[in-house]
């Protein structure tokens, strides 16, 4: 068993050591704060300390893991063997404090600091260390850990390092279930009047075909998504927005027969989760109410969630999710840029920096969203596919989990076809042809 010397074990150190050694490397380990015990240990050992005190594998501690404040740290960025690093230090055997660097990104330490919000009140990608130093599109924490594992194996050949397998979870946000179907008489009447004023007679025709002639709603893509996701061999998740109607929350009424029927249909084939309304990120009452609505429909506990607009505020949003019984969150991504918000494509547990504790909320990082490419970056579906494949390949390199976000309205069939659906389907084809790669 690997022995690690720590002058002062803390919740921060327990969190990051568990993630690195147990979750990703699969190495059994233990701590000691007794220098004599550490020196006497004859097997594999690492000294994590401010200074070296014996001939052993030494990583110089920066102090972040033994601190209990939220002060601003000098992250001392640099490069090592062509890779970006944080908390660099050329006096230790590794060249940087991998434990502090990994903790800094996984805990989202920078999001607890003052920052310039975007127009929706979110932490923007451009404020992140990853964007500023050019490694947002790389799961940098996972590369650090992989390289660390290889170094440890070279130093201690008797160790066994776990091999991680590439995986994917296909996820879909159902912000508005149907374009016309299931809307109230007054909503359809109001929308028709707006179409008349805009001389959009094509939209009026399509609306009437769905409502009166019972034709398939353009945004009813669920059979296709369930079929393609099932044939992919990967898991899938559908997140339903059930908040009260507002300028940003416009789904069908949660009590409508059409909405309930859709949710139950999807639930028969895959997993469902709650897509909390925009304002629920700071209103625990709204969050609890919307979760209870979904639970009443599916008649079981809801444990999975993704924030609408990917709006997260640390630590309040995650504290609220924990309070209402959510155990898995799929919001860890930037809306305006693809990439790895926390520097990883492996699930990890939320560390509450305000209360200095490890929680049971498991975070599943997302790395691409079609709305990012379509609305923020203004890319074509063809350009988007190239970008998505590049991200998939990055996830494959480290044996992580690729989690994309798609919306049903962008996958709708139109008279001229739908290149975004083609992009989605080609992404799945690429995943099917490249699945289960071990690293």
Protein backbone atom coordinates (compact mmCIF):
# COMPACT_ATOMS: atom_id res chain seq x y z
CA UNK A 1 0.00 0.00 0.00
CA UNK A 2 1.23 3.48 -0.91
CA UNK A 3 1.98 5.62 2.15
CA UNK A 4 1.60 9.39 1.90
CA UNK A 5 3.10 11.80 4.37
CA UNK A 6 0.93 14.83 5.18
CA UNK A 7 1.85 17.20 7.97
CA UNK A 8 -1.84 18.02 8.43
CA UNK A 9 -4.53 15.87 6.78
CA UNK A 10 -7.57 18.00 5.90
CA UNK A 11 -10.90 17.52 4.15
CA UNK A 12 -9.35 19.13 1.07
CA UNK A 13 -6.49 16.65 0.99
CA UNK A 14 -8.80 13.68 1.66
CA UNK A 15 -11.00 14.77 -1.25
CA UNK A 16 -8.27 15.14 -3.84
CA UNK A 17 -6.25 12.10 -2.77
CA UNK A 18 -9.35 9.92 -2.98
CA UNK A 19 -10.16 11.21 -6.46
CA UNK A 20 -6.63 10.79 -7.81
CA UNK A 21 -5.56 7.54 -6.19
CA UNK A 22 -8.82 5.64 -5.71
CA UNK A 23 -11.11 6.88 -8.50
CA UNK A 24 -8.71 7.38 -11.38
CA UNK A 25 -5.56 5.39 -10.63
CA UNK A 26 -7.00 2.61 -8.46
CA UNK A 27 -4.05 2.66 -6.04
CA UNK A 28 -4.64 1.71 -2.37
CA UNK A 29 -3.09 4.32 -0.07
CA UNK A 30 -2.96 5.59 3.50
CA UNK A 31 -1.86 8.77 5.30
CA UNK A 32 0.55 9.46 8.10
CA UNK A 33 1.64 12.62 9.90
CA UNK A 34 4.37 10.79 11.81
CA UNK A 35 7.77 11.44 10.22
CA UNK A 36 9.39 8.48 11.99
CA UNK A 37 6.69 6.12 10.72
CA UNK A 38 7.10 7.49 7.22
CA UNK A 39 10.89 7.16 7.24
CA UNK A 40 10.66 3.60 8.57
CA UNK A 41 8.18 2.55 5.87
CA UNK A 42 10.05 0.28 3.44
CA UNK A 43 7.52 0.19 0.62
CA UNK A 44 6.09 2.78 -1.80
CA UNK A 45 5.74 6.25 -0.30
CA UNK A 46 5.28 9.90 -1.24
CA UNK A 47 6.23 12.87 0.87
CA UNK A 48 3.81 15.76 0.38
CA UNK A 49 5.25 18.52 2.49
CA UNK A 50 6.68 22.02 2.40
CA UNK A 51 10.19 20.58 2.47
CA UNK A 52 11.86 17.22 1.89
CA UNK A 53 13.02 15.43 5.03
CA UNK A 54 14.13 12.05 3.71
CA UNK A 55 15.18 10.35 0.50
CA UNK A 56 11.78 9.64 -1.07
CA UNK A 57 9.43 10.73 -3.82
CA UNK A 58 8.78 14.36 -2.92
CA UNK A 59 6.04 16.76 -4.01
CA UNK A 60 6.34 20.24 -2.55
CA UNK A 61 3.06 21.37 -0.97
CA UNK A 62 1.86 24.83 -1.93
CA UNK A 63 -0.32 25.23 1.16
CA UNK A 64 -3.70 25.25 -0.61
CA UNK A 65 -4.79 21.92 0.86
CA UNK A 66 -3.94 22.84 4.44
CA UNK A 67 -5.60 26.25 4.25
CA UNK A 68 -9.26 26.76 5.18
CA UNK A 69 -9.83 30.16 3.62
CA UNK A 70 -10.90 31.37 0.18
CA UNK A 71 -7.99 33.73 -0.32
CA UNK A 72 -6.56 34.38 -3.78
CA UNK A 73 -3.63 32.06 -4.53
CA UNK A 74 -0.70 32.49 -6.88
CA UNK A 75 -1.37 29.55 -9.18
CA UNK A 76 2.08 29.92 -10.80
CA UNK A 77 1.14 28.57 -14.25
CA UNK A 78 3.79 27.03 -16.44
CA UNK A 79 4.57 24.20 -18.83
CA UNK A 80 6.15 20.83 -18.24
CA UNK A 81 7.00 18.46 -21.09
CA UNK A 82 4.68 20.48 -23.32
CA UNK A 83 1.74 20.32 -20.91
CA UNK A 84 0.18 23.21 -19.04
CA UNK A 85 0.62 23.03 -15.28
CA UNK A 86 -0.47 25.07 -12.25
CA UNK A 87 1.34 25.50 -8.92
CA UNK A 88 4.64 24.76 -10.66
CA UNK A 89 7.77 24.18 -8.59
CA UNK A 90 11.01 22.85 -10.02
CA UNK A 91 12.40 21.85 -6.61
CA UNK A 92 10.14 18.80 -6.31
CA UNK A 93 10.27 15.48 -8.15
CA UNK A 94 7.10 16.06 -10.16
CA UNK A 95 7.70 19.68 -11.19
CA UNK A 96 4.44 20.96 -9.75
CA UNK A 97 1.94 20.44 -6.95
CA UNK A 98 -0.47 18.12 -8.75
CA UNK A 99 -2.71 17.85 -5.69
CA UNK A 100 -3.27 21.60 -5.32
CA UNK A 101 -3.58 22.08 -9.09
CA UNK A 102 -6.19 19.34 -9.39
CA UNK A 103 -8.09 20.52 -6.31
CA UNK A 104 -8.12 24.10 -7.59
CA UNK A 105 -9.87 23.06 -10.83
CA UNK A 106 -12.16 20.33 -9.50
CA UNK A 107 -13.42 22.40 -6.55
CA UNK A 108 -14.02 25.36 -8.94
CA UNK A 109 -12.04 27.48 -6.50
CA UNK A 110 -11.89 30.36 -8.99
CA UNK A 111 -15.70 30.57 -9.12
CA UNK A 112 -15.77 31.49 -5.43
CA UNK A 113 -13.71 34.58 -6.23
CA UNK A 114 -15.13 37.87 -7.58
CA UNK A 115 -15.73 37.71 -11.33
CA UNK A 116 -17.46 39.62 -14.12
CA UNK A 117 -20.79 37.90 -14.80
CA UNK A 118 -22.23 37.34 -18.26
CA UNK A 119 -25.62 38.83 -19.10
CA UNK A 120 -27.37 35.85 -17.50
CA UNK A 121 -25.46 36.15 -14.23
CA UNK A 122 -23.16 33.19 -14.91
CA UNK A 123 -19.43 32.63 -14.57
CA UNK A 124 -18.24 32.96 -18.19
CA UNK A 125 -15.69 30.68 -19.82
CA UNK A 126 -13.52 33.70 -20.61
CA UNK A 127 -13.04 34.31 -16.86
CA UNK A 128 -11.63 30.83 -16.33
CA UNK A 129 -7.97 29.94 -15.91
CA UNK A 130 -8.44 27.18 -18.47
CA UNK A 131 -9.55 29.65 -21.16
CA UNK A 132 -6.97 32.31 -20.30
CA UNK A 133 -4.08 29.85 -20.52
CA UNK A 134 -5.42 27.92 -23.51
CA UNK A 135 -6.28 24.49 -22.12
CA UNK A 136 -10.10 24.65 -21.92
CA UNK A 137 -10.42 22.03 -24.69
CA UNK A 138 -8.13 19.60 -22.84
CA UNK A 139 -9.12 17.51 -19.79
CA UNK A 140 -5.93 18.75 -18.18
CA UNK A 141 -6.50 17.22 -14.73
CA UNK A 142 -6.91 13.78 -16.30
CA UNK A 143 -3.66 14.18 -18.25
CA UNK A 144 -1.84 15.20 -15.07
CA UNK A 145 -3.15 12.14 -13.28
CA UNK A 146 -2.31 9.78 -16.15
CA UNK A 147 1.24 11.14 -16.36
CA UNK A 148 1.55 10.92 -12.57
CA UNK A 149 0.46 7.29 -12.71
CA UNK A 150 3.13 6.48 -15.27
CA UNK A 151 5.79 8.21 -13.17
CA UNK A 152 4.72 6.31 -10.05
CA UNK A 153 4.76 3.02 -11.95
CA UNK A 154 8.29 3.74 -13.14
CA UNK A 155 9.37 4.66 -9.61
CA UNK A 156 7.45 1.81 -7.93
CA UNK A 157 7.11 -1.10 -10.43
CA UNK A 158 5.13 -3.19 -7.96
CA UNK A 159 2.17 -0.79 -8.16
CA UNK A 160 -0.83 -1.64 -10.31
CA UNK A 161 -2.53 1.23 -12.15
CA UNK A 162 -6.19 0.95 -13.12
CA UNK A 163 -7.08 1.14 -16.82
CA UNK A 164 -10.01 3.45 -17.52
CA UNK A 165 -12.45 2.81 -20.38
CA UNK A 166 -13.91 5.47 -22.65
CA UNK A 167 -17.65 5.86 -22.21
CA UNK A 168 -20.44 8.25 -23.17
CA UNK A 169 -23.80 9.39 -21.81
CA UNK A 170 -26.13 11.00 -24.36
CA UNK A 171 -28.15 13.76 -22.72
CA UNK A 172 -31.11 15.83 -23.93
CA UNK A 173 -32.72 18.97 -22.51
CA UNK A 174 -36.46 19.24 -23.13
CA UNK A 175 -36.99 22.97 -22.64
CA UNK A 176 -40.13 22.98 -24.80
CA UNK A 177 -41.56 19.56 -25.57
CA UNK A 178 -43.49 20.44 -28.76
CA UNK A 179 -43.73 23.37 -31.11
CA UNK A 180 -47.55 23.28 -31.38
CA UNK A 181 -48.89 20.14 -29.77
CA UNK A 182 -50.25 20.28 -26.25
CA UNK A 183 -50.45 24.06 -25.97
CA UNK A 184 -53.57 25.63 -24.56
CA UNK A 185 -56.23 27.18 -26.80
CA UNK A 186 -55.16 30.67 -25.72
CA UNK A 187 -51.46 30.06 -26.32
CA UNK A 188 -52.16 28.72 -29.80
CA UNK A 189 -54.56 31.60 -30.52
CA UNK A 190 -52.03 34.19 -29.37
CA UNK A 191 -49.26 32.57 -31.40
CA UNK A 192 -51.47 32.45 -34.49
CA UNK A 193 -52.26 36.17 -34.17
CA UNK A 194 -48.52 36.90 -33.98
CA UNK A 195 -47.95 34.81 -37.11
CA UNK A 196 -50.67 36.75 -38.95
CA UNK A 197 -49.08 40.06 -37.96
CA UNK A 198 -45.74 38.78 -39.26
CA UNK A 199 -47.37 37.33 -42.42
CA UNK A 200 -45.92 33.94 -41.47
CA UNK A 201 -48.61 31.87 -43.14
CA UNK A 202 -46.34 28.84 -43.40
CA UNK A 203 -46.19 28.62 -39.61
CA UNK A 204 -49.98 29.00 -39.40
CA UNK A 205 -50.39 26.13 -41.86
CA UNK A 206 -48.02 23.85 -39.91
CA UNK A 207 -49.74 24.71 -36.64
CA UNK A 208 -53.17 23.83 -38.04
CA UNK A 209 -51.85 20.58 -39.55
CA UNK A 210 -50.64 19.47 -36.11
CA UNK A 211 -53.65 20.68 -34.13
CA UNK A 212 -56.49 19.86 -36.52
CA UNK A 213 -55.11 17.16 -38.83
CA UNK A 214 -53.12 15.42 -36.09
CA UNK A 215 -49.87 15.48 -38.02
CA UNK A 216 -46.59 14.90 -36.20
CA UNK A 217 -45.31 17.96 -34.37
CA UNK A 218 -41.97 19.19 -35.81
CA UNK A 219 -40.30 18.97 -32.39
CA UNK A 220 -41.57 15.44 -31.73
CA UNK A 221 -38.22 13.74 -32.29
CA UNK A 222 -38.39 11.38 -29.33
CA UNK A 223 -38.80 8.09 -31.20
CA UNK A 224 -35.73 8.94 -33.24
CA UNK A 225 -33.66 9.95 -30.21
CA UNK A 226 -34.65 6.89 -28.21
CA UNK A 227 -33.83 4.62 -31.15
CA UNK A 228 -30.47 6.19 -31.99
CA UNK A 229 -29.36 6.43 -28.38
CA UNK A 230 -30.36 2.82 -27.69
CA UNK A 231 -28.57 1.57 -30.82
CA UNK A 232 -25.42 3.44 -29.79
CA UNK A 233 -24.77 1.11 -26.88
CA UNK A 234 -24.34 4.07 -24.54
CA UNK A 235 -26.63 5.33 -21.80
CA UNK A 236 -28.95 8.31 -22.25
CA UNK A 237 -30.72 10.87 -20.07
CA UNK A 238 -33.62 13.24 -20.77
CA UNK A 239 -34.06 16.33 -18.57
CA UNK A 240 -37.56 17.84 -18.44
CA UNK A 241 -38.29 21.45 -17.53
CA UNK A 242 -41.43 21.62 -15.39
CA UNK A 243 -41.23 25.16 -14.02
CA UNK A 244 -43.96 27.76 -14.09
CA UNK A 245 -44.18 29.70 -17.34
CA UNK A 246 -41.86 32.71 -17.58
CA UNK A 247 -39.86 34.55 -20.23
CA UNK A 248 -37.14 31.86 -20.00
CA UNK A 249 -39.23 28.82 -19.04
CA UNK A 250 -41.79 28.03 -21.73
CA UNK A 251 -42.48 24.31 -21.58
CA UNK A 252 -45.98 22.82 -21.64
CA UNK A 253 -48.03 22.91 -18.46
CA UNK A 254 -46.73 20.12 -16.23
CA UNK A 255 -50.27 18.80 -15.58
CA UNK A 256 -51.18 18.53 -19.25
CA UNK A 257 -51.98 15.06 -20.51
CA UNK A 258 -49.60 15.53 -23.43
CA UNK A 259 -46.67 16.42 -21.19
CA UNK A 260 -47.28 13.59 -18.75
CA UNK A 261 -47.66 11.11 -21.59
CA UNK A 262 -44.36 12.16 -23.12
CA UNK A 263 -42.44 11.88 -19.86
CA UNK A 264 -43.85 8.42 -19.15
CA UNK A 265 -43.09 7.30 -22.69
CA UNK A 266 -39.45 8.37 -22.40
CA UNK A 267 -39.20 6.88 -18.92
CA UNK A 268 -40.15 3.47 -20.30
CA UNK A 269 -36.96 3.43 -22.40
CA UNK A 270 -34.35 5.45 -20.54
CA UNK A 271 -33.61 7.63 -17.52
CA UNK A 272 -35.16 11.02 -16.84
CA UNK A 273 -34.11 13.92 -14.65
CA UNK A 274 -35.30 17.37 -13.67
CA UNK A 275 -34.28 20.47 -15.62
CA UNK A 276 -34.79 23.16 -12.96
CA UNK A 277 -36.16 26.50 -14.18
CA UNK A 278 -33.86 29.48 -14.53
CA UNK A 279 -34.74 31.14 -11.23
CA UNK A 280 -34.62 27.91 -9.23
CA UNK A 281 -30.82 28.16 -8.94
CA UNK A 282 -31.34 30.60 -6.06
CA UNK A 283 -34.82 29.54 -4.89
CA UNK A 284 -34.83 26.18 -3.14
CA UNK A 285 -38.63 26.26 -2.87
CA UNK A 286 -39.00 26.35 -6.67
CA UNK A 287 -36.42 23.60 -7.06
CA UNK A 288 -38.19 21.31 -4.59
CA UNK A 289 -41.58 21.99 -6.19
CA UNK A 290 -40.39 21.21 -9.73
CA UNK A 291 -38.63 18.03 -8.60
CA UNK A 292 -41.83 16.93 -6.82
CA UNK A 293 -43.81 17.52 -10.02
CA UNK A 294 -41.60 15.10 -11.94
CA UNK A 295 -41.70 12.57 -9.10
CA UNK A 296 -45.51 12.70 -9.10
CA UNK A 297 -45.55 11.92 -12.82
CA UNK A 298 -43.04 9.05 -12.84
CA UNK A 299 -43.97 7.78 -9.36
CA UNK A 300 -40.40 7.46 -8.13
CA UNK A 301 -37.65 9.59 -6.62
CA UNK A 302 -35.76 11.95 -8.93
CA UNK A 303 -32.02 12.04 -8.27
CA UNK A 304 -30.61 13.53 -11.50
CA UNK A 305 -30.62 17.18 -12.47
CA UNK A 306 -29.28 19.73 -14.95
CA UNK A 307 -29.62 23.47 -14.48
CA UNK A 308 -31.50 25.43 -17.14
CA UNK A 309 -29.06 27.66 -19.07
CA UNK A 310 -26.30 25.78 -17.18
CA UNK A 311 -26.67 28.41 -14.48
CA UNK A 312 -24.60 27.50 -11.42
CA UNK A 313 -23.58 29.71 -8.53
CA UNK A 314 -21.08 28.27 -6.07
CA UNK A 315 -21.84 26.86 -3.63
CA UNK A 316 -25.54 27.77 -3.36
CA UNK A 317 -26.85 25.94 -6.42
CA UNK A 318 -25.26 22.65 -5.43
CA UNK A 319 -26.17 23.08 -1.78
CA UNK A 320 -29.81 23.44 -2.84
CA UNK A 321 -29.64 20.35 -5.04
CA UNK A 322 -28.28 18.33 -2.13
CA UNK A 323 -31.01 19.66 0.17
CA UNK A 324 -33.80 18.36 -2.08
CA UNK A 325 -32.23 14.93 -2.59
CA UNK A 326 -30.40 15.27 -5.91
CA UNK A 327 -27.34 13.01 -6.04
CA UNK A 328 -26.19 13.53 -9.65
CA UNK A 329 -25.74 16.83 -11.50
CA UNK A 330 -25.02 17.28 -15.22
CA UNK A 331 -24.53 21.07 -15.36
CA UNK A 332 -20.73 21.32 -15.22
CA UNK A 333 -20.01 22.92 -18.57
CA UNK A 334 -19.85 26.36 -20.15
CA UNK A 335 -22.77 27.50 -22.33
CA UNK A 336 -20.68 29.66 -24.67
CA UNK A 337 -17.58 27.49 -25.17
CA UNK A 338 -16.99 23.75 -25.55
CA UNK A 339 -14.47 22.12 -23.27
CA UNK A 340 -13.83 21.03 -19.71
CA UNK A 341 -15.02 23.56 -17.12
CA UNK A 342 -13.46 21.63 -14.23
CA UNK A 343 -10.52 20.30 -16.25
CA UNK A 344 -11.85 16.73 -16.27
CA UNK A 345 -14.12 14.33 -18.13
CA UNK A 346 -14.43 11.98 -15.14
CA UNK A 347 -17.32 12.22 -12.65
CA UNK A 348 -16.29 13.66 -9.30
CA UNK A 349 -17.95 14.71 -6.06
CA UNK A 350 -18.79 18.31 -5.25
CA UNK A 351 -16.48 19.79 -2.63
CA UNK A 352 -18.23 22.55 -0.66
CA UNK A 353 -15.55 25.15 -0.07
CA UNK A 354 -17.78 27.34 2.07
CA UNK A 355 -18.34 24.53 4.58
CA UNK A 356 -15.08 22.68 3.86
CA UNK A 357 -16.64 19.29 3.33
CA UNK A 358 -16.92 16.51 0.78
CA UNK A 359 -20.53 16.00 -0.30
CA UNK A 360 -22.44 13.09 -1.84
CA UNK A 361 -23.40 15.11 -4.94
CA UNK A 362 -21.71 13.50 -7.93
CA UNK A 363 -20.90 15.87 -10.78
CA UNK A 364 -20.91 14.57 -14.35
CA UNK A 365 -19.03 17.12 -16.50
CA UNK A 366 -20.50 18.00 -19.89
CA UNK A 367 -18.11 19.07 -22.65
CA UNK A 368 -20.18 20.03 -25.71
CA UNK A 369 -23.64 21.47 -26.39
CA UNK A 370 -25.10 22.01 -29.85
CA UNK A 371 -26.52 25.38 -28.77
CA UNK A 372 -22.96 26.58 -28.08
CA UNK A 373 -21.95 26.05 -31.69
CA UNK A 374 -25.25 27.19 -33.21
CA UNK A 375 -26.02 30.32 -31.19
CA UNK A 376 -22.77 31.45 -29.56
CA UNK A 377 -20.06 30.44 -32.03
CA UNK A 378 -22.29 30.63 -35.14
CA UNK A 379 -20.82 27.47 -36.64
CA UNK A 380 -22.46 25.29 -39.25
CA UNK A 381 -23.50 21.71 -38.40
CA UNK A 382 -20.57 20.46 -40.47
CA UNK A 383 -18.10 22.64 -38.58
CA UNK A 384 -19.74 21.63 -35.33
CA UNK A 385 -19.27 17.93 -36.05
CA UNK A 386 -15.54 18.49 -36.56
CA UNK A 387 -15.35 20.29 -33.21
CA UNK A 388 -17.32 17.56 -31.43
CA UNK A 389 -15.14 14.81 -32.87
CA UNK A 390 -12.08 16.68 -31.63
CA UNK A 391 -13.53 16.75 -28.11
CA UNK A 392 -14.49 13.07 -28.30
CA UNK A 393 -10.91 12.24 -29.23
CA UNK A 394 -9.64 14.22 -26.24
CA UNK A 395 -11.92 12.23 -23.93
CA UNK A 396 -10.78 8.97 -25.53
CA UNK A 397 -7.12 9.78 -24.82
CA UNK A 398 -7.74 9.65 -21.07
CA UNK A 399 -10.49 7.01 -21.00
CA UNK A 400 -13.07 9.44 -19.67
CA UNK A 401 -16.81 9.90 -20.20
CA UNK A 402 -18.07 12.04 -23.09
CA UNK A 403 -21.31 13.84 -22.19
CA UNK A 404 -22.93 16.08 -24.84
CA UNK A 405 -26.10 18.19 -24.56
CA UNK A 406 -28.72 18.32 -27.31
CA UNK A 407 -32.16 19.99 -27.47
CA UNK A 408 -35.16 18.43 -29.18
CA UNK A 409 -36.14 21.61 -31.07
CA UNK A 410 -32.75 21.81 -32.83
CA UNK A 411 -33.16 18.21 -33.97
CA UNK A 412 -36.55 18.79 -35.63
CA UNK A 413 -37.19 17.69 -39.20
CA UNK A 414 -38.06 20.47 -41.62
CA UNK A 415 -39.12 20.51 -45.25
CA UNK A 416 -35.49 21.05 -46.21
CA UNK A 417 -34.21 18.36 -43.87
CA UNK A 418 -32.17 19.11 -40.77
CA UNK A 419 -28.40 19.30 -40.80
CA UNK A 420 -28.34 19.50 -37.00
CA UNK A 421 -30.03 16.11 -36.78
CA UNK A 422 -27.48 14.82 -39.26
CA UNK A 423 -24.73 16.23 -37.04
CA UNK A 424 -26.24 14.47 -34.01
CA UNK A 425 -26.58 11.15 -35.82
CA UNK A 426 -23.03 11.33 -37.23
CA UNK A 427 -21.75 12.05 -33.73
CA UNK A 428 -23.44 8.86 -32.53
CA UNK A 429 -22.01 6.90 -35.47
CA UNK A 430 -18.54 8.14 -34.54
CA UNK A 431 -19.10 7.12 -30.92
CA UNK A 432 -20.31 3.65 -31.96
CA UNK A 433 -17.21 3.13 -34.07
CA UNK A 434 -14.86 4.30 -31.30
CA UNK A 435 -16.40 2.97 -28.11
CA UNK A 436 -14.85 1.17 -25.16
CA UNK A 437 -11.25 2.27 -25.70
CA UNK A 438 -9.05 1.52 -22.67
CA UNK A 439 -6.23 3.83 -21.58
